[in-house]
N, C-alpha and C. Protein backbone atom coordinates (compact mmCIF):
# COMPACT_ATOMS: atom_id res chain seq x y z
N MET A 1 7.46 37.84 4.47
CA MET A 1 6.08 37.79 4.16
C MET A 1 5.61 37.77 5.09
N LYS A 2 4.35 38.97 5.28
CA LYS A 2 3.34 39.15 6.44
C LYS A 2 2.38 38.20 6.13
N LEU A 3 1.49 37.51 7.17
CA LEU A 3 0.43 36.81 6.94
C LEU A 3 -0.61 37.39 8.19
N SER A 4 -1.96 37.28 7.53
CA SER A 4 -3.10 37.64 8.44
C SER A 4 -2.97 36.32 9.36
N ASN A 5 -3.87 36.74 10.44
CA ASN A 5 -4.54 35.46 11.73
C ASN A 5 -5.29 34.95 10.80
N VAL A 6 -5.59 33.91 11.26
CA VAL A 6 -6.73 33.11 10.64
C VAL A 6 -7.68 32.64 11.76
N TYR A 7 -8.91 32.88 11.41
CA TYR A 7 -10.11 32.61 11.95
C TYR A 7 -11.19 31.70 11.56
N SER A 8 -11.42 30.55 12.50
CA SER A 8 -12.40 29.53 12.00
C SER A 8 -13.86 29.73 13.06
N PHE A 9 -14.81 29.30 12.28
CA PHE A 9 -15.92 29.35 12.92
C PHE A 9 -17.09 27.90 12.27
N ALA A 10 -17.70 27.50 13.25
CA ALA A 10 -18.34 26.12 12.70
C ALA A 10 -19.44 26.14 13.60
N LEU A 11 -20.52 25.58 13.15
CA LEU A 11 -22.06 25.57 13.43
C LEU A 11 -22.48 24.06 13.12
N ALA A 12 -22.86 23.17 14.46
CA ALA A 12 -23.12 21.75 13.75
C ALA A 12 -24.61 21.42 14.45
N GLY A 13 -25.40 20.60 14.15
CA GLY A 13 -26.75 20.11 14.53
C GLY A 13 -26.89 18.94 14.45
N GLU A 14 -27.68 18.35 15.42
CA GLU A 14 -27.94 16.75 15.14
C GLU A 14 -29.64 16.87 15.50
N TYR A 15 -30.25 15.87 15.02
CA TYR A 15 -31.57 16.04 15.18
C TYR A 15 -32.32 14.29 15.11
N ALA A 16 -32.81 13.81 16.07
CA ALA A 16 -33.16 12.50 16.31
C ALA A 16 -34.44 12.40 15.66
N LEU A 17 -34.73 11.93 14.48
CA LEU A 17 -36.12 11.23 14.03
C LEU A 17 -36.36 10.55 15.16
N ASN A 18 -35.98 9.41 15.31
CA ASN A 18 -36.67 8.43 16.02
C ASN A 18 -35.49 7.40 16.76
N GLN A 19 -35.62 6.30 17.06
CA GLN A 19 -34.57 5.68 17.93
C GLN A 19 -33.73 5.28 16.94
N LYS A 20 -33.88 4.99 15.57
CA LYS A 20 -32.98 4.58 14.80
C LYS A 20 -32.13 5.56 13.82
N TRP A 21 -32.76 6.57 13.43
CA TRP A 21 -32.39 7.66 12.47
C TRP A 21 -32.01 9.02 13.42
N ASP A 22 -30.90 9.58 12.73
CA ASP A 22 -30.67 10.84 13.03
C ASP A 22 -30.23 11.53 11.96
N LEU A 23 -30.63 12.74 11.73
CA LEU A 23 -30.25 13.69 10.69
C LEU A 23 -28.84 14.74 11.38
N VAL A 24 -27.70 14.98 10.72
CA VAL A 24 -27.02 15.79 11.18
C VAL A 24 -26.39 17.02 9.88
N GLY A 25 -26.00 17.59 10.39
CA GLY A 25 -25.37 18.94 9.51
C GLY A 25 -24.44 19.75 10.16
N GLU A 26 -23.40 20.40 9.43
CA GLU A 26 -22.24 21.01 9.82
C GLU A 26 -22.15 21.96 8.78
N ALA A 27 -21.47 23.51 9.04
CA ALA A 27 -21.19 24.16 8.33
C ALA A 27 -19.46 24.82 8.84
N PHE A 28 -18.76 24.96 8.35
CA PHE A 28 -17.30 25.49 8.78
C PHE A 28 -16.94 26.46 7.93
N THR A 29 -16.60 27.38 8.37
CA THR A 29 -15.60 28.41 7.34
C THR A 29 -14.46 29.08 8.16
N THR A 30 -13.26 29.20 7.67
CA THR A 30 -11.89 29.86 8.02
C THR A 30 -11.86 31.13 7.07
N THR A 31 -11.14 31.96 7.72
CA THR A 31 -10.68 33.04 6.99
C THR A 31 -9.48 32.98 6.42
N ASP A 32 -9.16 33.82 5.45
CA ASP A 32 -7.87 33.62 4.54
C ASP A 32 -6.37 34.15 5.28
N ALA A 33 -5.91 33.57 5.30
CA ALA A 33 -4.23 34.00 6.05
C ALA A 33 -3.38 34.75 4.97
N HIS A 34 -3.80 35.12 3.69
CA HIS A 34 -3.28 35.76 2.88
C HIS A 34 -2.99 37.37 2.88
N ALA A 35 -1.97 37.77 3.23
CA ALA A 35 -2.12 39.43 3.54
C ALA A 35 -2.02 39.95 2.08
N LYS A 36 -3.01 40.30 1.36
CA LYS A 36 -2.87 40.51 -0.24
C LYS A 36 -1.95 41.63 -0.44
N ALA A 37 -1.88 42.51 0.56
CA ALA A 37 -1.33 43.85 0.11
C ALA A 37 0.09 43.54 0.18
N THR A 38 0.62 42.60 0.85
CA THR A 38 1.83 42.44 0.79
C THR A 38 2.55 41.24 0.34
N LEU A 39 1.85 40.37 -0.35
CA LEU A 39 2.29 39.43 -1.14
C LEU A 39 3.10 39.71 -2.03
N GLY A 40 2.50 40.72 -2.90
CA GLY A 40 3.16 40.98 -4.26
C GLY A 40 2.76 39.90 -5.23
N GLY A 41 1.90 39.22 -5.23
CA GLY A 41 1.69 38.37 -6.07
C GLY A 41 2.05 36.70 -5.84
N VAL A 42 2.99 36.54 -4.70
CA VAL A 42 4.01 35.43 -4.93
C VAL A 42 2.85 34.77 -3.72
N VAL A 43 2.53 33.21 -3.57
CA VAL A 43 1.82 32.63 -2.76
C VAL A 43 2.06 31.10 -2.41
N SER A 44 2.79 30.95 -1.10
CA SER A 44 3.08 29.72 -1.21
C SER A 44 1.82 28.60 -1.01
N GLN A 45 2.09 27.55 -1.42
CA GLN A 45 1.00 26.66 -1.35
C GLN A 45 1.06 26.07 0.35
N GLU A 46 1.66 26.28 0.75
CA GLU A 46 1.63 25.93 2.47
C GLU A 46 0.87 27.08 3.17
N ILE A 47 0.51 28.17 2.63
CA ILE A 47 -0.25 29.49 3.02
C ILE A 47 -1.94 29.18 3.39
N ALA A 48 -2.66 29.05 4.01
CA ALA A 48 -4.14 28.84 3.82
C ALA A 48 -4.94 29.95 3.32
N GLY A 49 -5.94 29.24 2.53
CA GLY A 49 -6.55 30.51 2.05
C GLY A 49 -8.21 30.13 2.59
N ALA A 50 -9.05 31.18 2.19
CA ALA A 50 -10.29 31.07 3.12
C ALA A 50 -11.30 29.95 2.30
N GLU A 51 -11.79 29.24 3.45
CA GLU A 51 -12.59 28.11 2.73
C GLU A 51 -14.17 27.77 3.87
N THR A 52 -14.82 27.33 3.01
CA THR A 52 -15.96 27.35 3.53
C THR A 52 -16.49 25.84 3.05
N VAL A 53 -17.31 25.02 4.02
CA VAL A 53 -17.71 23.75 3.88
C VAL A 53 -19.04 23.55 4.44
N GLY A 54 -19.69 22.93 3.79
CA GLY A 54 -21.01 22.09 4.56
C GLY A 54 -20.89 20.92 4.34
N MET A 55 -21.88 20.23 5.31
CA MET A 55 -22.13 18.85 5.26
C MET A 55 -23.62 18.56 5.47
N LEU A 56 -24.09 17.60 4.95
CA LEU A 56 -25.53 16.91 5.67
C LEU A 56 -25.70 15.39 5.80
N GLY A 57 -26.05 14.97 6.54
CA GLY A 57 -25.92 13.41 6.53
C GLY A 57 -26.90 13.14 7.43
N ALA A 58 -26.58 11.59 7.63
CA ALA A 58 -27.87 10.79 8.59
C ALA A 58 -26.99 9.81 9.16
N ARG A 59 -27.50 9.22 10.09
CA ARG A 59 -26.96 8.22 10.87
C ARG A 59 -28.15 6.98 11.12
N TYR A 60 -27.51 5.99 10.92
CA TYR A 60 -28.87 4.58 11.22
C TYR A 60 -28.08 3.85 12.36
N HIS A 61 -28.84 3.68 13.51
CA HIS A 61 -28.42 2.74 14.47
C HIS A 61 -28.99 1.41 14.42
N ILE A 62 -27.91 0.50 13.85
CA ILE A 62 -28.26 -0.65 13.91
C ILE A 62 -28.33 -1.25 15.40
N SER A 63 -27.62 -1.06 16.05
CA SER A 63 -28.15 -1.74 17.65
C SER A 63 -27.42 -0.52 18.64
N PRO A 64 -27.50 -0.72 19.91
CA PRO A 64 -26.95 0.09 20.66
C PRO A 64 -25.49 0.46 20.51
N ALA A 65 -24.83 -0.66 19.98
CA ALA A 65 -23.28 -0.61 19.71
C ALA A 65 -22.68 -0.32 18.21
N VAL A 66 -23.71 -0.37 17.27
CA VAL A 66 -23.50 -0.29 15.87
C VAL A 66 -23.97 0.80 15.48
N THR A 67 -23.55 1.88 14.49
CA THR A 67 -24.09 2.72 14.03
C THR A 67 -23.40 2.80 12.42
N PHE A 68 -24.15 3.13 11.34
CA PHE A 68 -23.67 3.46 10.18
C PHE A 68 -24.17 4.98 10.05
N ALA A 69 -23.31 5.46 9.30
CA ALA A 69 -23.18 6.94 8.79
C ALA A 69 -22.98 7.27 7.30
N LEU A 70 -23.71 8.63 7.03
CA LEU A 70 -22.99 9.03 5.52
C LEU A 70 -23.38 10.28 5.48
N GLY A 71 -22.22 11.27 5.28
CA GLY A 71 -22.34 12.69 5.19
C GLY A 71 -21.73 13.08 3.78
N ILE A 72 -22.51 14.14 3.19
CA ILE A 72 -21.94 14.53 1.85
C ILE A 72 -21.79 16.23 2.23
N THR A 73 -20.53 16.38 1.85
CA THR A 73 -20.02 17.50 1.83
C THR A 73 -19.51 18.44 0.34
N TYR A 74 -19.73 19.59 0.91
CA TYR A 74 -19.80 20.42 -0.70
C TYR A 74 -18.88 21.71 0.08
N ASP A 75 -17.94 22.04 -0.89
CA ASP A 75 -17.26 23.19 -0.21
C ASP A 75 -16.97 24.48 -1.30
N ASN A 76 -16.24 25.32 -0.94
CA ASN A 76 -16.37 26.55 -1.80
C ASN A 76 -15.27 26.37 -3.52
N ASN A 77 -14.50 25.20 -3.35
CA ASN A 77 -13.85 24.53 -4.23
C ASN A 77 -14.46 23.88 -5.35
N ASN A 78 -15.98 23.80 -4.85
CA ASN A 78 -16.86 23.00 -5.81
C ASN A 78 -16.55 21.62 -5.60
N ALA A 79 -15.92 20.99 -4.61
CA ALA A 79 -15.54 19.82 -4.28
C ALA A 79 -16.77 18.95 -3.58
N LEU A 80 -17.25 17.82 -4.10
CA LEU A 80 -18.37 17.19 -3.37
C LEU A 80 -17.80 15.74 -2.81
N LEU A 81 -17.94 15.24 -1.76
CA LEU A 81 -17.38 14.27 -1.21
C LEU A 81 -18.58 13.38 -0.23
N PHE A 82 -18.30 11.92 -0.54
CA PHE A 82 -19.26 11.05 0.27
C PHE A 82 -18.77 10.81 1.24
N ARG A 83 -19.02 10.76 2.48
CA ARG A 83 -18.16 10.04 3.54
C ARG A 83 -18.92 9.24 4.09
N PRO A 84 -19.03 7.88 4.28
CA PRO A 84 -19.49 6.79 4.75
C PRO A 84 -18.64 6.66 6.07
N GLY A 85 -19.20 5.92 7.14
CA GLY A 85 -18.53 5.59 8.32
C GLY A 85 -19.52 4.46 9.20
N VAL A 86 -18.95 3.92 9.80
CA VAL A 86 -19.22 2.81 10.66
C VAL A 86 -18.62 3.05 12.21
N THR A 87 -19.82 3.29 13.07
CA THR A 87 -19.21 3.42 14.63
C THR A 87 -19.31 1.92 15.63
N TYR A 88 -18.16 1.61 15.93
CA TYR A 88 -18.73 0.36 16.90
C TYR A 88 -18.27 0.81 18.28
N LYS A 89 -19.30 0.73 19.21
CA LYS A 89 -18.67 0.85 20.81
C LYS A 89 -18.41 -0.36 21.39
N PHE A 90 -17.41 -0.40 22.01
CA PHE A 90 -16.82 -1.47 22.65
C PHE A 90 -17.43 -1.51 23.87
């Protein structure tokens, strides 16, 4: 089975609203590994398909050492995910 090369592209940014709040965003896409002309309709679950994901979120700095975050992602499979997080700097 012959497969195509996979290429990935990402773009991310963050914007500090003030000393406590940051806005963040990211877009990620990857190309399809399927060589459609040679697969003959048989596709393994281990072969990557094309995917596009977008994320918007915010971070709140409780102190210089502690930050809370929430990101919301949505992808081309209509999956909506809420991704909370805590960062603690030692």
